[in-house]
């Protein structure tokens, strides 16, 4: 386990059940584009999606500012595996308390190796992180 890791185990957060109960006048249609078993499984791929929730050290706002440019340049260079990344904060004007990533990687070990190279981690900003398996439940592409 890497230094800074919270030591929490990976949780499989992507297997969906049958969903909410439908009302008596609701017609259920099964569509291949909404086949959740297929959408939430990537067994045919050589990669998995992971969600990573980062926790910054309390009171480390100045350290975050010092490391931010190097971190942003590093994030920009990780396009093949880092699919979404951003800071988390209590309100828009607050100092971030951590971050959230969606990572495409072959294994948890690959995610941990990626985390270790992030300037925020190497520079001592991170208090820890949680790594979860993540399965995208909707068939449409994610874009912002």
Protein backbone atom coordinates (compact mmCIF):
# COMPACT_ATOMS: atom_id res chain seq x y z
CA UNK A 1 0.00 0.00 0.00
CA UNK A 2 1.33 3.47 -0.85
CA UNK A 3 2.10 6.01 1.81
CA UNK A 4 -0.89 8.26 2.15
CA UNK A 5 -3.39 5.59 1.24
CA UNK A 6 -6.30 5.32 3.62
CA UNK A 7 -5.98 1.56 3.58
CA UNK A 8 -9.63 1.14 2.71
CA UNK A 9 -10.48 -1.74 0.46
CA UNK A 10 -11.83 -1.38 -3.03
CA UNK A 11 -15.59 -1.42 -3.28
CA UNK A 12 -17.39 -2.69 -6.35
CA UNK A 13 -19.75 0.22 -6.84
CA UNK A 14 -21.05 -0.60 -10.26
CA UNK A 15 -23.35 -3.61 -10.28
CA UNK A 16 -26.90 -2.44 -10.63
CA UNK A 17 -30.00 -4.29 -9.52
CA UNK A 18 -33.27 -4.31 -11.34
CA UNK A 19 -33.87 -0.65 -10.55
CA UNK A 20 -36.86 1.08 -8.98
CA UNK A 21 -40.29 -0.49 -9.09
CA UNK A 22 -42.40 0.61 -12.02
CA UNK A 23 -45.95 1.84 -11.60
CA UNK A 24 -48.91 -0.17 -12.95
CA UNK A 25 -49.26 2.07 -16.02
CA UNK A 26 -45.58 2.13 -16.85
CA UNK A 27 -44.47 0.13 -19.85
CA UNK A 28 -40.99 -1.40 -19.53
CA UNK A 29 -39.09 -1.63 -22.77
CA UNK A 30 -35.83 -3.49 -22.98
CA UNK A 31 -33.37 -1.81 -25.30
CA UNK A 32 -29.90 -3.02 -26.10
CA UNK A 33 -28.55 0.51 -25.50
CA UNK A 34 -29.83 0.23 -21.91
CA UNK A 35 -28.63 -3.28 -21.17
CA UNK A 36 -27.17 -2.46 -17.76
CA UNK A 37 -25.41 -5.81 -17.38
CA UNK A 38 -23.48 -5.04 -20.56
CA UNK A 39 -22.97 -1.36 -19.74
CA UNK A 40 -21.57 -2.04 -16.28
CA UNK A 41 -19.25 -4.84 -17.35
CA UNK A 42 -16.05 -4.30 -19.25
CA UNK A 43 -14.92 -7.93 -19.18
CA UNK A 44 -14.22 -7.70 -22.92
CA UNK A 45 -11.75 -4.83 -22.35
CA UNK A 46 -8.19 -4.82 -21.00
CA UNK A 47 -9.02 -1.92 -18.68
CA UNK A 48 -11.34 -1.01 -15.84
CA UNK A 49 -12.79 2.30 -14.73
CA UNK A 50 -11.94 3.51 -11.23
CA UNK A 51 -13.19 6.48 -9.20
CA UNK A 52 -10.62 7.99 -6.86
CA UNK A 53 -11.62 10.33 -4.05
CA UNK A 54 -8.69 12.33 -2.64
CA UNK A 55 -8.47 13.90 0.81
CA UNK A 56 -6.09 16.84 1.24
CA UNK A 57 -4.27 17.46 4.49
CA UNK A 58 -6.22 19.96 6.60
CA UNK A 59 -4.92 23.51 6.34
CA UNK A 60 -2.79 22.77 3.28
CA UNK A 61 -4.23 25.50 1.05
CA UNK A 62 -0.87 27.23 0.58
CA UNK A 63 0.84 23.96 -0.33
CA UNK A 64 -1.93 23.30 -2.86
CA UNK A 65 -1.30 26.72 -4.46
CA UNK A 66 2.45 26.03 -4.64
CA UNK A 67 1.93 22.66 -6.35
CA UNK A 68 -1.05 23.58 -8.54
CA UNK A 69 0.75 24.50 -11.78
CA UNK A 70 2.87 21.32 -11.77
CA UNK A 71 -0.25 19.28 -10.93
CA UNK A 72 -2.29 20.81 -13.78
CA UNK A 73 0.51 20.18 -16.28
CA UNK A 74 0.76 16.59 -15.04
CA UNK A 75 -3.03 16.11 -15.33
CA UNK A 76 -2.96 17.41 -18.92
CA UNK A 77 -0.31 14.80 -19.81
CA UNK A 78 -2.41 11.88 -18.47
CA UNK A 79 -5.10 11.92 -21.17
CA UNK A 80 -4.97 8.18 -21.92
CA UNK A 81 -5.82 7.12 -18.39
CA UNK A 82 -7.19 10.14 -16.52
CA UNK A 83 -10.69 10.59 -17.96
CA UNK A 84 -12.04 13.21 -15.54
CA UNK A 85 -10.34 15.15 -12.76
CA UNK A 86 -11.16 18.06 -10.52
CA UNK A 87 -11.09 19.53 -7.04
CA UNK A 88 -13.81 19.15 -4.41
CA UNK A 89 -14.86 21.93 -2.06
CA UNK A 90 -17.67 22.71 0.36
CA UNK A 91 -18.73 25.78 -1.63
CA UNK A 92 -17.41 27.44 -4.82
CA UNK A 93 -15.34 30.06 -2.99
CA UNK A 94 -13.75 27.64 -0.47
CA UNK A 95 -10.27 26.13 -0.68
CA UNK A 96 -10.49 22.59 -2.08
CA UNK A 97 -10.52 19.77 0.46
CA UNK A 98 -9.54 17.09 -2.04
CA UNK A 99 -10.32 15.89 -5.51
CA UNK A 100 -12.07 13.33 -7.67
CA UNK A 101 -10.77 11.36 -10.64
CA UNK A 102 -12.21 8.84 -13.05
CA UNK A 103 -9.33 6.66 -14.23
CA UNK A 104 -9.16 4.10 -17.01
CA UNK A 105 -6.53 1.54 -16.01
CA UNK A 106 -5.82 -2.19 -16.21
CA UNK A 107 -5.66 -2.64 -12.42
CA UNK A 108 -5.79 -1.04 -8.99
CA UNK A 109 -1.97 -1.27 -8.91
CA UNK A 110 -1.83 0.86 -12.08
CA UNK A 111 -4.07 3.48 -10.43
CA UNK A 112 -1.85 3.52 -7.35
CA UNK A 113 1.23 3.94 -9.57
CA UNK A 114 -0.46 6.87 -11.34
CA UNK A 115 -1.37 8.50 -8.02
CA UNK A 116 2.25 8.24 -6.86
CA UNK A 117 3.46 10.33 -9.82
CA UNK A 118 1.00 13.20 -9.23
CA UNK A 119 2.80 16.32 -7.93
CA UNK A 120 0.04 16.74 -5.31
CA UNK A 121 0.90 13.30 -3.91
CA UNK A 122 4.69 13.56 -4.31
CA UNK A 123 4.61 17.07 -2.83
CA UNK A 124 2.80 15.98 0.33
CA UNK A 125 -0.65 17.54 -0.18
CA UNK A 126 -2.66 14.32 -0.02
CA UNK A 127 -3.71 12.94 3.36
CA UNK A 128 -5.11 9.86 1.63
CA UNK A 129 -7.45 8.54 -1.01
CA UNK A 130 -10.12 5.94 -1.66
CA UNK A 131 -10.10 3.86 -4.84
CA UNK A 132 -13.37 2.36 -6.08
CA UNK A 133 -14.24 0.28 -9.10
CA UNK A 134 -16.65 2.40 -11.17
CA UNK A 135 -19.10 1.29 -13.82
CA UNK A 136 -20.77 3.81 -16.06
CA UNK A 137 -24.50 3.05 -16.05
CA UNK A 138 -25.69 5.26 -18.89
CA UNK A 139 -25.01 4.44 -22.55
CA UNK A 140 -24.30 7.99 -23.69
CA UNK A 141 -20.77 9.41 -23.74
CA UNK A 142 -19.73 11.59 -20.84
CA UNK A 143 -18.86 15.15 -21.76
CA UNK A 144 -18.92 18.48 -19.97
